[in-house]
Amino acid sequence: MTRRKPNLFLIGAMKAGTHYLRKLLKAHTNIFMCEPDEPSYFVDPRHLRRIYPEMWQRGFWRSEERYLELFRPAGDAPLLGEASTSYTKLPLAPGVAERIAAFNPDARFIYLLRDPVERAISHYWHMVQHHTERRPIADAFKSDAQFVAFSHYAMQLRPYLERFGRDRIAVVIHERLIADPAGVMRGVYEWLDVDASAADPLGFAEPENVGPEMVSMAAWGGVPRRLRQAPWLQGAIERLPPPAHRMLHRLTTREVGRRAADATEAVAFLRPQQLRQTEELAQLLGCSFPEWTTVYGTPSRTPRLGQP
């Protein structure tokens, strides 16, 4: 029996609310979103091992059959989807659009965008919490190009526009989705040719994937990430008695308050670059982004630099 292929891809951006949007898509009876999140099948495994070793270990990249098994429970849902933010992580994950085009040239895509300065700051705290980033925020931005690159939305979009065309790509703005999820999703459902009334209204709850106010910053960042996340080491840590586990945590981490961190220098570094990138995006898509008050330096409100 020929396996059905996914035809809907939520491609990011990272830290722009993709978990929430995936939940809203999944709330529709005609849309199946696979488990787990972010299978990242179309990322070259050499690159995936570097940027997402946890998913590399899951091994969906090993065969198309293994990947398609994720969609077996879809039943007769006309839209089979997945959400992998690694699909818009140039230059760390090249060639994804080309692989998807070869796999399913009729695929459709949703790209969720957020104020690029705020997205980069949220990205930094994600790296602190989950990937042992230890540098001050401005130093991290100046040293690691991924923080700026992942917010360079025009660069991330172009490979998809070139291969699939504008009509097969829906661009959703994070700030508009949070302000009016039902209204934004009506437009998304209409674009997908499904009846908005078939969506479960309970799916429109508040976003769940919200980071904590206090973040544990690793004190052992010199240990290679692959070693830190090796199953044997994680298993050994989990087998420690609770008192030893707590002591190890105290010795290897320190608690940092996100809102207390001074991001002034970081914003000053990001803003001119990401303002140019936003103008490039506006020309590419023929629209504007007035909600992005941090990148534009709009004085109407205080930037939400501590938000996830």
Protein backbone atom coordinates (compact mmCIF):
# COMPACT_ATOMS: atom_id res chain seq x y z
CA MET A 1 0.00 0.00 0.00
CA THR A 2 1.28 3.44 -0.94
CA ARG A 3 1.69 5.68 2.08
CA ARG A 4 0.19 9.16 1.92
CA LYS A 5 2.70 11.97 2.08
CA PRO A 6 2.41 15.11 4.21
CA ASN A 7 1.26 18.11 2.20
CA LEU A 8 1.37 20.87 4.83
CA PHE A 9 4.52 22.14 6.50
CA LEU A 10 4.73 24.64 9.34
CA ILE A 11 8.32 25.76 8.79
CA GLY A 12 8.96 28.20 11.65
CA ALA A 13 10.25 30.62 12.61
CA MET A 14 11.85 29.34 15.77
CA LYS A 15 10.50 31.11 18.90
CA ALA A 16 7.68 32.74 16.95
CA GLY A 17 4.84 30.66 18.39
CA THR A 18 4.96 27.57 16.17
CA HIS A 19 3.89 25.30 19.03
CA TYR A 20 0.73 27.36 19.47
CA LEU A 21 -0.02 27.55 15.75
CA ARG A 22 0.50 23.81 15.44
CA LYS A 23 -2.07 23.33 18.20
CA LEU A 24 -4.56 25.55 16.35
CA LEU A 25 -4.06 23.63 13.12
CA LYS A 26 -4.45 20.34 14.96
CA ALA A 27 -7.78 21.56 16.39
CA HIS A 28 -9.36 21.24 12.93
CA THR A 29 -10.92 17.90 12.04
CA ASN A 30 -9.54 18.02 8.49
CA ILE A 31 -5.94 18.66 9.55
CA PHE A 32 -3.68 15.98 10.98
CA MET A 33 -0.46 17.14 12.63
CA CYS A 34 1.99 14.37 13.34
CA GLU A 35 3.62 13.48 16.62
CA PRO A 36 6.27 14.24 17.73
CA ASP A 37 6.83 17.91 17.05
CA GLU A 38 9.62 18.80 14.66
CA PRO A 39 10.58 15.48 13.06
CA SER A 40 13.01 17.50 10.88
CA TYR A 41 13.16 14.73 8.27
CA PHE A 42 14.25 17.03 5.44
CA VAL A 43 17.30 18.41 7.23
CA ASP A 44 20.50 16.70 6.13
CA PRO A 45 21.38 14.37 9.05
CA ARG A 46 24.89 15.80 9.22
CA HIS A 47 23.41 19.22 9.94
CA LEU A 48 20.58 17.88 12.09
CA ARG A 49 23.04 16.18 14.41
CA ARG A 50 24.57 19.57 15.11
CA ILE A 51 21.48 21.75 15.45
CA TYR A 52 19.01 19.26 16.95
CA PRO A 53 20.82 16.19 18.33
CA GLU A 54 17.75 15.06 20.27
CA MET A 55 15.75 14.66 17.05
CA TRP A 56 18.75 13.21 15.24
CA GLN A 57 18.73 10.47 17.87
CA ARG A 58 15.06 9.76 17.11
CA GLY A 59 16.25 8.78 13.65
CA PHE A 60 13.32 9.72 11.39
CA TRP A 61 15.92 10.75 8.81
CA ARG A 62 17.03 7.15 8.42
CA SER A 63 14.28 6.23 5.94
CA GLU A 64 11.24 7.65 4.21
CA GLU A 65 9.22 4.70 5.49
CA ARG A 66 10.10 5.58 9.06
CA TYR A 67 9.09 9.20 8.47
CA LEU A 68 5.81 8.34 6.75
CA GLU A 69 4.88 6.08 9.64
CA LEU A 70 4.27 9.28 11.62
CA PHE A 71 1.25 9.99 9.40
CA ARG A 72 -0.32 6.54 9.50
CA PRO A 73 -2.93 7.59 12.15
CA ALA A 74 -4.19 10.44 9.92
CA GLY A 75 -7.23 8.50 8.71
CA ASP A 76 -8.95 10.31 5.85
CA ALA A 77 -7.91 13.83 6.86
CA PRO A 78 -7.14 15.70 3.61
CA LEU A 79 -4.29 17.69 5.14
CA LEU A 80 -1.33 15.90 6.66
CA GLY A 81 1.05 18.26 8.37
CA GLU A 82 4.17 18.56 10.41
CA ALA A 83 5.94 21.45 12.14
CA SER A 84 9.74 21.69 12.05
CA THR A 85 11.39 25.03 12.71
CA SER A 86 14.68 23.54 11.51
CA TYR A 87 13.33 23.96 7.98
CA THR A 88 14.06 27.72 8.17
CA LYS A 89 17.46 27.72 9.81
CA LEU A 90 19.72 28.84 7.03
CA PRO A 91 22.67 28.76 6.81
CA LEU A 92 22.88 25.89 9.35
CA ALA A 93 20.34 23.70 7.54
CA PRO A 94 20.68 24.21 3.76
CA GLY A 95 18.81 22.38 1.01
CA VAL A 96 15.52 21.76 2.86
CA ALA A 97 13.22 23.43 0.31
CA GLU A 98 14.84 21.46 -2.49
CA ARG A 99 14.31 18.15 -0.67
CA ILE A 100 10.67 18.91 0.08
CA ALA A 101 10.11 19.93 -3.56
CA ALA A 102 11.48 16.57 -4.69
CA PHE A 103 9.37 14.76 -2.10
CA ASN A 104 6.05 16.56 -2.70
CA PRO A 105 5.98 19.40 -5.27
CA ASP A 106 2.35 20.17 -4.32
CA ALA A 107 3.16 20.92 -0.67
CA ARG A 108 1.93 24.04 1.09
CA PHE A 109 3.73 25.99 3.78
CA ILE A 110 2.96 28.25 6.71
CA TYR A 111 5.69 30.56 7.96
CA LEU A 112 5.06 32.29 11.29
CA LEU A 113 6.95 35.56 11.79
CA ARG A 114 7.60 37.59 14.93
CA ASP A 115 9.25 40.94 15.64
CA PRO A 116 12.81 39.85 14.72
CA VAL A 117 14.49 41.54 17.68
CA GLU A 118 12.13 39.92 20.17
CA ARG A 119 12.46 36.59 18.37
CA ALA A 120 16.25 36.74 18.66
CA ILE A 121 16.07 37.57 22.37
CA SER A 122 13.67 34.69 22.98
CA HIS A 123 16.02 32.48 20.95
CA TYR A 124 18.87 33.47 23.26
CA TRP A 125 16.92 32.47 26.39
CA HIS A 126 15.98 29.18 24.75
CA MET A 127 19.67 28.50 24.17
CA VAL A 128 20.44 29.41 27.78
CA GLN A 129 17.74 27.11 29.11
CA HIS A 130 18.26 24.13 26.84
CA HIS A 131 21.68 24.35 25.21
CA THR A 132 24.01 25.78 27.88
CA GLU A 133 24.52 29.21 26.33
CA ARG A 134 26.56 31.11 28.96
CA ARG A 135 27.68 34.31 27.28
CA PRO A 136 26.05 37.67 28.04
CA ILE A 137 23.28 38.30 25.54
CA ALA A 138 25.07 40.99 23.51
CA ASP A 139 28.24 38.89 23.32
CA ALA A 140 26.23 35.89 22.11
CA PHE A 141 24.59 37.95 19.35
CA LYS A 142 27.92 39.35 18.20
CA SER A 143 29.64 35.95 18.24
CA ASP A 144 26.97 33.61 16.86
CA ALA A 145 25.36 34.53 13.53
CA GLN A 146 22.38 32.21 14.00
CA PHE A 147 20.57 34.74 16.21
CA VAL A 148 20.45 37.27 13.38
CA ALA A 149 20.17 34.74 10.54
CA PHE A 150 17.07 32.97 11.87
CA SER A 151 15.31 36.36 11.98
CA HIS A 152 16.35 37.13 8.40
CA TYR A 153 12.95 36.05 7.16
CA ALA A 154 13.42 37.08 3.53
CA MET A 155 16.53 34.90 3.27
CA GLN A 156 14.72 31.95 4.86
CA LEU A 157 11.67 32.35 2.59
CA ARG A 158 13.36 32.73 -0.78
CA PRO A 159 14.17 29.03 -1.38
CA TYR A 160 10.48 28.17 -0.82
CA LEU A 161 9.20 31.03 -2.98
CA GLU A 162 11.53 30.01 -5.80
CA ARG A 163 10.36 26.39 -5.77
CA PHE A 164 6.71 26.61 -4.77
CA GLY A 165 5.51 30.14 -5.55
CA ARG A 166 3.81 32.72 -3.38
CA ASP A 167 0.34 31.17 -3.53
CA ARG A 168 1.53 28.02 -1.75
CA ILE A 169 3.02 29.89 1.20
CA ALA A 170 0.95 31.54 3.93
CA VAL A 171 2.77 34.09 6.08
CA VAL A 172 1.28 34.53 9.56
CA ILE A 173 2.32 37.30 11.94
CA HIS A 174 2.83 36.18 15.54
CA GLU A 175 1.55 39.40 17.10
CA ARG A 176 -1.67 39.25 15.08
CA LEU A 177 -2.18 35.59 15.92
CA ILE A 178 -1.83 36.25 19.65
CA ALA A 179 -4.17 39.27 19.49
CA ASP A 180 -6.89 37.54 17.44
CA PRO A 181 -6.34 33.80 17.09
CA ALA A 182 -9.87 33.04 15.86
CA GLY A 183 -9.74 35.76 13.19
CA VAL A 184 -6.27 34.84 11.95
CA MET A 185 -7.12 31.15 11.86
CA ARG A 186 -10.27 31.81 9.83
CA GLY A 187 -7.98 33.22 7.17
CA VAL A 188 -5.60 30.26 7.45
CA TYR A 189 -8.43 27.73 7.21
CA GLU A 190 -9.84 29.55 4.19
CA TRP A 191 -6.42 29.45 2.53
CA LEU A 192 -6.30 25.71 3.24
CA ASP A 193 -9.80 25.22 1.77
CA VAL A 194 -11.27 23.80 4.97
CA ASP A 195 -14.38 24.93 6.83
CA ALA A 196 -13.44 27.11 9.82
CA SER A 197 -16.53 25.91 11.71
CA ALA A 198 -15.01 22.42 11.91
CA ALA A 199 -12.27 23.65 14.26
CA ASP A 200 -12.59 22.83 17.96
CA PRO A 201 -13.03 26.18 19.78
CA LEU A 202 -11.23 24.72 22.80
CA GLY A 203 -8.09 24.76 20.69
CA PHE A 204 -7.98 28.56 20.88
CA ALA A 205 -6.71 28.65 24.45
CA GLU A 206 -3.73 30.75 25.46
CA PRO A 207 -0.31 29.70 24.15
CA GLU A 208 1.22 26.95 26.28
CA ASN A 209 4.90 26.95 25.35
CA VAL A 210 5.81 29.94 27.51
CA GLY A 211 9.24 30.09 29.08
CA PRO A 212 9.75 30.56 32.83
CA GLU A 213 10.77 33.85 34.41
CA MET A 214 13.84 32.21 35.98
CA VAL A 215 16.14 30.26 33.70
CA SER A 216 18.87 27.83 34.72
CA MET A 217 22.14 28.88 33.09
CA ALA A 218 24.65 26.05 32.84
CA ALA A 219 28.00 26.41 34.57
CA TRP A 220 29.51 23.54 32.57
CA GLY A 221 29.26 24.98 29.08
CA GLY A 222 32.76 23.80 28.21
CA VAL A 223 31.54 20.22 28.00
CA PRO A 224 30.67 19.33 24.38
CA ARG A 225 26.92 19.37 23.80
CA ARG A 226 26.91 15.90 22.27
CA LEU A 227 28.52 14.49 25.41
CA ARG A 228 26.19 16.40 27.74
CA GLN A 229 23.18 14.97 25.94
CA ALA A 230 24.47 11.43 25.51
CA PRO A 231 21.83 8.89 26.65
CA TRP A 232 24.28 7.11 28.98
CA LEU A 233 25.11 10.37 30.79
CA GLN A 234 21.46 11.42 31.01
CA GLY A 235 20.56 7.98 32.31
CA ALA A 236 23.29 8.11 34.94
CA ILE A 237 22.06 11.52 36.14
CA GLU A 238 18.46 10.30 36.33
CA ARG A 239 19.52 7.35 38.51
CA LEU A 240 21.06 9.61 41.13
CA PRO A 241 19.17 9.80 44.44
CA PRO A 242 17.18 13.07 44.81
CA PRO A 243 19.63 14.77 47.22
CA ALA A 244 22.57 14.07 44.89
CA HIS A 245 20.54 15.20 41.90
CA ARG A 246 19.72 18.51 43.61
CA MET A 247 23.34 19.03 44.63
CA LEU A 248 24.54 18.35 41.07
CA HIS A 249 22.01 20.88 39.76
CA ARG A 250 23.24 23.52 42.22
CA LEU A 251 26.87 22.89 41.29
CA THR A 252 26.32 22.99 37.53
CA THR A 253 23.72 25.75 37.11
CA ARG A 254 22.78 29.19 38.34
CA GLU A 255 19.38 30.83 38.17
CA VAL A 256 19.04 33.91 35.97
CA GLY A 257 16.00 36.21 35.75
CA ARG A 258 15.18 37.02 32.14
CA ARG A 259 13.42 40.29 32.82
CA ALA A 260 16.26 41.53 35.00
CA ALA A 261 18.82 41.08 32.23
CA ASP A 262 19.89 44.28 30.49
CA ALA A 263 19.28 43.84 26.75
CA THR A 264 20.04 47.46 25.77
CA GLU A 265 23.34 46.66 24.07
CA ALA A 266 21.87 43.57 22.43
CA VAL A 267 18.94 45.54 20.98
CA ALA A 268 21.28 48.28 19.76
CA PHE A 269 23.32 45.63 17.95
CA LEU A 270 20.32 43.83 16.45
CA ARG A 271 18.07 46.71 15.45
CA PRO A 272 19.97 48.23 12.48
CA GLN A 273 20.60 44.82 10.94
CA GLN A 274 17.10 43.53 11.44
CA LEU A 275 15.53 46.79 10.33
CA ARG A 276 17.27 46.31 6.96
CA GLN A 277 16.14 42.69 6.89
CA THR A 278 12.56 43.71 7.66
CA GLU A 279 12.58 46.26 4.85
CA GLU A 280 13.84 43.51 2.53
CA LEU A 281 10.99 41.28 3.70
CA ALA A 282 8.43 44.04 3.19
CA GLN A 283 9.57 44.44 -0.41
CA LEU A 284 9.55 40.69 -0.96
CA LEU A 285 6.01 40.23 0.35
CA GLY A 286 4.53 43.63 -0.47
CA CYS A 287 3.32 44.32 3.07
CA SER A 288 4.33 46.08 6.27
CA PHE A 289 4.73 45.02 9.89
CA PRO A 290 3.58 47.84 12.18
CA GLU A 291 3.29 45.43 15.13
CA TRP A 292 7.07 45.01 15.25
CA THR A 293 7.63 47.89 17.59
CA THR A 294 10.98 46.68 18.93
CA VAL A 295 12.68 46.45 15.57
CA TYR A 296 11.27 49.84 14.56
CA GLY A 297 12.05 51.41 17.91
CA THR A 298 8.46 52.58 18.29
CA PRO A 299 8.16 54.46 21.61
CA SER A 300 4.52 53.43 22.11
CA ARG A 301 5.40 50.67 24.54
CA THR A 302 8.29 49.11 26.41
CA PRO A 303 9.82 46.20 24.46
CA ARG A 304 8.84 42.85 25.95
CA LEU A 305 12.40 41.68 26.19
CA GLY A 306 11.73 39.09 28.85
CA GLN A 307 8.93 37.32 27.00
CA PRO A 308 9.41 33.82 25.58
